[in-house]
C-alpha atoms as a PDB file:
ATOM      1  CA  MET A   1      89.279  21.784-178.562  1.00  0.00           C
ATOM      2  CA  ALA A   2      91.120  22.269-175.276  1.00  0.00           C
ATOM      3  CA  LYS A   3      94.570  23.403-174.251  1.00  0.00           C
ATOM      4  CA  ILE A   4      96.175  20.605-172.221  1.00  0.00           C
ATOM      5  CA  LEU A   5      99.401  20.587-170.230  1.00  0.00           C
ATOM      6  CA  VAL A   6     100.937  17.120-169.810  1.00  0.00           C
ATOM      7  CA  VAL A   7     103.281  16.871-166.807  1.00  0.00           C
ATOM      8  CA  GLU A   8     104.895  13.424-166.846  1.00  0.00           C
ATOM      9  CA  ASP A   9     108.533  12.488-166.268  1.00  0.00           C
ATOM     10  CA  ASP A  10     108.370   9.154-168.126  1.00  0.00           C
ATOM     11  CA  LYS A  11     109.317  10.195-171.660  1.00  0.00           C
ATOM     12  CA  ASP A  12     107.476   7.309-173.330  1.00  0.00           C
ATOM     13  CA  LEU A  13     104.232   8.009-171.453  1.00  0.00           C
ATOM     14  CA  ASN A  14     104.634  11.744-172.019  1.00  0.00           C
ATOM     15  CA  ASN A  15     105.018  11.176-175.763  1.00  0.00           C
ATOM     16  CA  ALA A  16     102.108   8.720-175.891  1.00  0.00           C
ATOM     17  CA  TYR A  17      99.772  11.071-174.013  1.00  0.00           C
ATOM     18  CA  THR A  18     100.797  13.989-176.224  1.00  0.00           C
ATOM     19  CA  ILE A  19     100.234  12.044-179.456  1.00  0.00           C
ATOM     20  CA  ILE A  20      96.849  10.732-178.304  1.00  0.00           C
ATOM     21  CA  LEU A  21      95.600  14.140-177.177  1.00  0.00           C
ATOM     22  CA  GLU A  22      96.865  15.939-180.280  1.00  0.00           C
ATOM     23  CA  SER A  23      95.172  13.314-182.474  1.00  0.00           C
ATOM     24  CA  GLU A  24      91.905  14.337-180.783  1.00  0.00           C
ATOM     25  CA  GLY A  25      92.510  17.945-181.830  1.00  0.00           C
ATOM     26  CA  HIS A  26      93.765  19.313-178.517  1.00  0.00           C
ATOM     27  CA  LYS A  27      96.626  21.769-178.279  1.00  0.00           C
ATOM     28  CA  VAL A  28      99.208  20.121-176.030  1.00  0.00           C
ATOM     29  CA  VAL A  29     102.308  21.326-174.231  1.00  0.00           C
ATOM     30  CA  SER A  30     104.291  18.653-172.428  1.00  0.00           C
ATOM     31  CA  VAL A  31     106.886  19.001-169.680  1.00  0.00           C
ATOM     32  CA  HIS A  32     108.729  16.568-167.428  1.00  0.00           C
ATOM     33  CA  ASN A  33     108.449  17.959-163.884  1.00  0.00           C
ATOM     34  CA  GLY A  34     106.578  20.416-161.714  1.00  0.00           C
ATOM     35  CA  ARG A  35     109.128  23.199-162.062  1.00  0.00           C
ATOM     36  CA  GLU A  36     108.791  23.135-165.847  1.00  0.00           C
ATOM     37  CA  ALA A  37     105.010  23.028-165.404  1.00  0.00           C
ATOM     38  CA  LEU A  38     104.995  26.206-163.309  1.00  0.00           C
ATOM     39  CA  LYS A  39     106.696  28.031-166.168  1.00  0.00           C
ATOM     40  CA  ALA A  40     104.451  26.461-168.799  1.00  0.00           C
ATOM     41  CA  VAL A  41     101.134  27.339-167.125  1.00  0.00           C
ATOM     42  CA  GLU A  42     101.923  31.036-167.180  1.00  0.00           C
ATOM     43  CA  ASP A  43     102.596  31.076-170.933  1.00  0.00           C
ATOM     44  CA  PHE A  44     100.095  28.429-172.013  1.00  0.00           C
ATOM     45  CA  SER A  45      97.063  28.953-169.704  1.00  0.00           C
ATOM     46  CA  PRO A  46      95.767  25.375-169.993  1.00  0.00           C
ATOM     47  CA  ASP A  47      92.168  24.269-169.631  1.00  0.00           C
ATOM     48  CA  LEU A  48      93.298  20.938-168.232  1.00  0.00           C
ATOM     49  CA  ILE A  49      96.490  19.624-166.633  1.00  0.00           C
ATOM     50  CA  LEU A  50      97.400  15.951-166.720  1.00  0.00           C
ATOM     51  CA  LEU A  51      99.726  15.666-163.712  1.00  0.00           C
ATOM     52  CA  ASP A  52     101.933  12.858-162.472  1.00  0.00           C
ATOM     53  CA  LEU A  53     102.530  12.940-158.704  1.00  0.00           C
ATOM     54  CA  LEU A  54     105.982  11.374-158.476  1.00  0.00           C
ATOM     55  CA  MET A  55     108.591  13.228-160.537  1.00  0.00           C
ATOM     56  CA  PRO A  56     112.156  14.397-160.046  1.00  0.00           C
ATOM     57  CA  ILE A  57     113.027  18.056-159.336  1.00  0.00           C
ATOM     58  CA  MET A  58     109.430  18.959-158.380  1.00  0.00           C
ATOM     59  CA  GLY A  59     106.595  16.470-157.976  1.00  0.00           C
ATOM     60  CA  GLY A  60     102.911  16.962-158.567  1.00  0.00           C
ATOM     61  CA  LEU A  61     102.005  17.874-154.993  1.00  0.00           C
ATOM     62  CA  GLU A  62     104.655  20.551-154.793  1.00  0.00           C
ATOM     63  CA  PHE A  63     103.456  21.886-158.152  1.00  0.00           C
ATOM     64  CA  LEU A  64      99.887  22.103-156.813  1.00  0.00           C
ATOM     65  CA  GLN A  65     101.106  23.897-153.672  1.00  0.00           C
ATOM     66  CA  HIS A  66     102.920  26.514-155.771  1.00  0.00           C
ATOM     67  CA  TYR A  67     100.260  26.802-158.483  1.00  0.00           C
ATOM     68  CA  ASP A  68      97.508  27.514-155.930  1.00  0.00           C
ATOM     69  CA  LEU A  69      94.857  25.929-158.087  1.00  0.00           C
ATOM     70  CA  ALA A  70      91.974  26.176-155.637  1.00  0.00           C
ATOM     71  CA  SER A  71      92.081  29.932-155.127  1.00  0.00           C
ATOM     72  CA  LYS A  72      93.808  31.369-158.202  1.00  0.00           C
ATOM     73  CA  HIS A  73      92.901  28.931-160.991  1.00  0.00           C
ATOM     74  CA  PRO A  74      89.636  27.160-160.056  1.00  0.00           C
ATOM     75  CA  GLU A  75      88.573  26.907-163.702  1.00  0.00           C
ATOM     76  CA  VAL A  76      91.522  24.640-164.568  1.00  0.00           C
ATOM     77  CA  LYS A  77      90.850  20.920-164.173  1.00  0.00           C
ATOM     78  CA  VAL A  78      93.745  18.797-162.922  1.00  0.00           C
ATOM     79  CA  LEU A  79      93.743  15.081-163.587  1.00  0.00           C
ATOM     80  CA  ILE A  80      96.199  13.302-161.325  1.00  0.00           C
ATOM     81  CA  PHE A  81      97.784  10.335-163.104  1.00  0.00           C
ATOM     82  CA  THR A  82      99.456   8.016-160.613  1.00  0.00           C
ATOM     83  CA  ASN A  83      99.742   4.410-159.448  1.00  0.00           C
ATOM     84  CA  MET A  84      99.363   5.389-155.776  1.00  0.00           C
ATOM     85  CA  GLU A  85      95.733   4.452-155.241  1.00  0.00           C
ATOM     86  CA  ASN A  86      94.220   5.556-151.905  1.00  0.00           C
ATOM     87  CA  SER A  87      97.445   7.153-150.723  1.00  0.00           C
ATOM     88  CA  PRO A  88      97.835  10.244-148.524  1.00  0.00           C
ATOM     89  CA  GLU A  89      99.388  11.965-151.553  1.00  0.00           C
ATOM     90  CA  VAL A  90      96.202  11.495-153.575  1.00  0.00           C
ATOM     91  CA  THR A  91      94.105  12.833-150.685  1.00  0.00           C
ATOM     92  CA  GLU A  92      96.387  15.855-150.446  1.00  0.00           C
ATOM     93  CA  ALA A  93      96.121  16.416-154.207  1.00  0.00           C
ATOM     94  CA  TYR A  94      92.326  16.569-153.850  1.00  0.00           C
ATOM     95  CA  ASP A  95      92.724  18.980-150.930  1.00  0.00           C
ATOM     96  CA  LEU A  96      94.866  21.163-153.205  1.00  0.00           C
ATOM     97  CA  GLY A  97      92.144  21.263-155.870  1.00  0.00           C
ATOM     98  CA  ALA A  98      92.712  18.231-158.103  1.00  0.00           C
ATOM     99  CA  TYR A  99      89.569  17.260-159.972  1.00  0.00           C
ATOM    100  CA  ARG A 100      90.060  13.536-160.433  1.00  0.00           C
ATOM    101  CA  CYS A 101      92.643  10.813-159.858  1.00  0.00           C
ATOM    102  CA  ILE A 102      93.304   8.306-162.607  1.00  0.00           C
ATOM    103  CA  ILE A 103      95.277   5.146-161.846  1.00  0.00           C
ATOM    104  CA  LYS A 104      97.874   4.712-164.608  1.00  0.00           C
ATOM    105  CA  SER A 105      97.931   0.932-164.451  1.00  0.00           C
ATOM    106  CA  TRP A 106      94.127   0.809-164.883  1.00  0.00           C
ATOM    107  CA  THR A 107      93.914   3.292-167.745  1.00  0.00           C
ATOM    108  CA  ALA A 108      95.398   2.254-171.058  1.00  0.00           C
ATOM    109  CA  PRO A 109      96.866   5.195-172.976  1.00  0.00           C
ATOM    110  CA  GLN A 110      94.268   4.717-175.707  1.00  0.00           C
ATOM    111  CA  ASN A 111      91.519   5.371-173.111  1.00  0.00           C
ATOM    112  CA  LEU A 112      93.069   8.687-172.160  1.00  0.00           C
ATOM    113  CA  ALA A 113      91.085  10.574-174.800  1.00  0.00           C
ATOM    114  CA  ARG A 114      87.800   9.390-173.252  1.00  0.00           C
ATOM    115  CA  VAL A 115      88.864  10.374-169.736  1.00  0.00           C
ATOM    116  CA  VAL A 116      89.930  13.822-170.933  1.00  0.00           C
ATOM    117  CA  SER A 117      86.751  14.268-172.960  1.00  0.00           C
ATOM    118  CA  ASP A 118      84.583  13.311-169.966  1.00  0.00           C
ATOM    119  CA  THR A 119      86.448  15.779-167.766  1.00  0.00           C
ATOM    120  CA  LEU A 120      86.179  18.597-170.288  1.00  0.00           C
ATOM    121  CA  ASP A 121      82.467  17.862-170.832  1.00  0.00           C
ATOM    122  CA  ASN A 122      81.918  18.128-167.059  1.00  0.00           C
ATOM    123  CA  LYS A 123      83.934  21.354-166.975  1.00  0.00           C
ATOM    124  CA  LEU A 124      81.787  22.891-169.676  1.00  0.00           C
ATOM    125  CA  ALA A 125      78.624  21.742-167.914  1.00  0.00           C
ATOM    126  CA  GLY A 126      79.866  23.112-164.590  1.00  0.00           C
ATOM    127  CA  THR A 127      79.663  19.751-162.859  1.00  0.00           C
ATOM    128  CA  LYS A 128      82.098  17.527-161.014  1.00  0.00           C
ATOM    129  CA  ALA A 129      82.632  13.807-161.354  1.00  0.00           C
END
């Protein structure tokens, strides 16, 4: 299975995502802001990052700017998890290399495994959604 980094400041959501993904056999590291994520990616080398956009200390966009996904880590898929549908922040996240945006309020935590599986299947096939 995959190595997944969960970056979510809401502790309940972070725990739920971690439990769901681990129950699917994934190795999961979870952190609560972009600054922690920058440290975690170096040690963990994830296949997929589940990234909230709005977080204290360092948000998702700032993380993407520092992580330089598009040029240094193009093999890593980033799923943006947010409630800001059609916002400039989501557009910027795509410009910074995000793979897909998932609207939190539309995606029940129990459906997370399917979304992650679909993304990983596309990664392995070399396709984009």
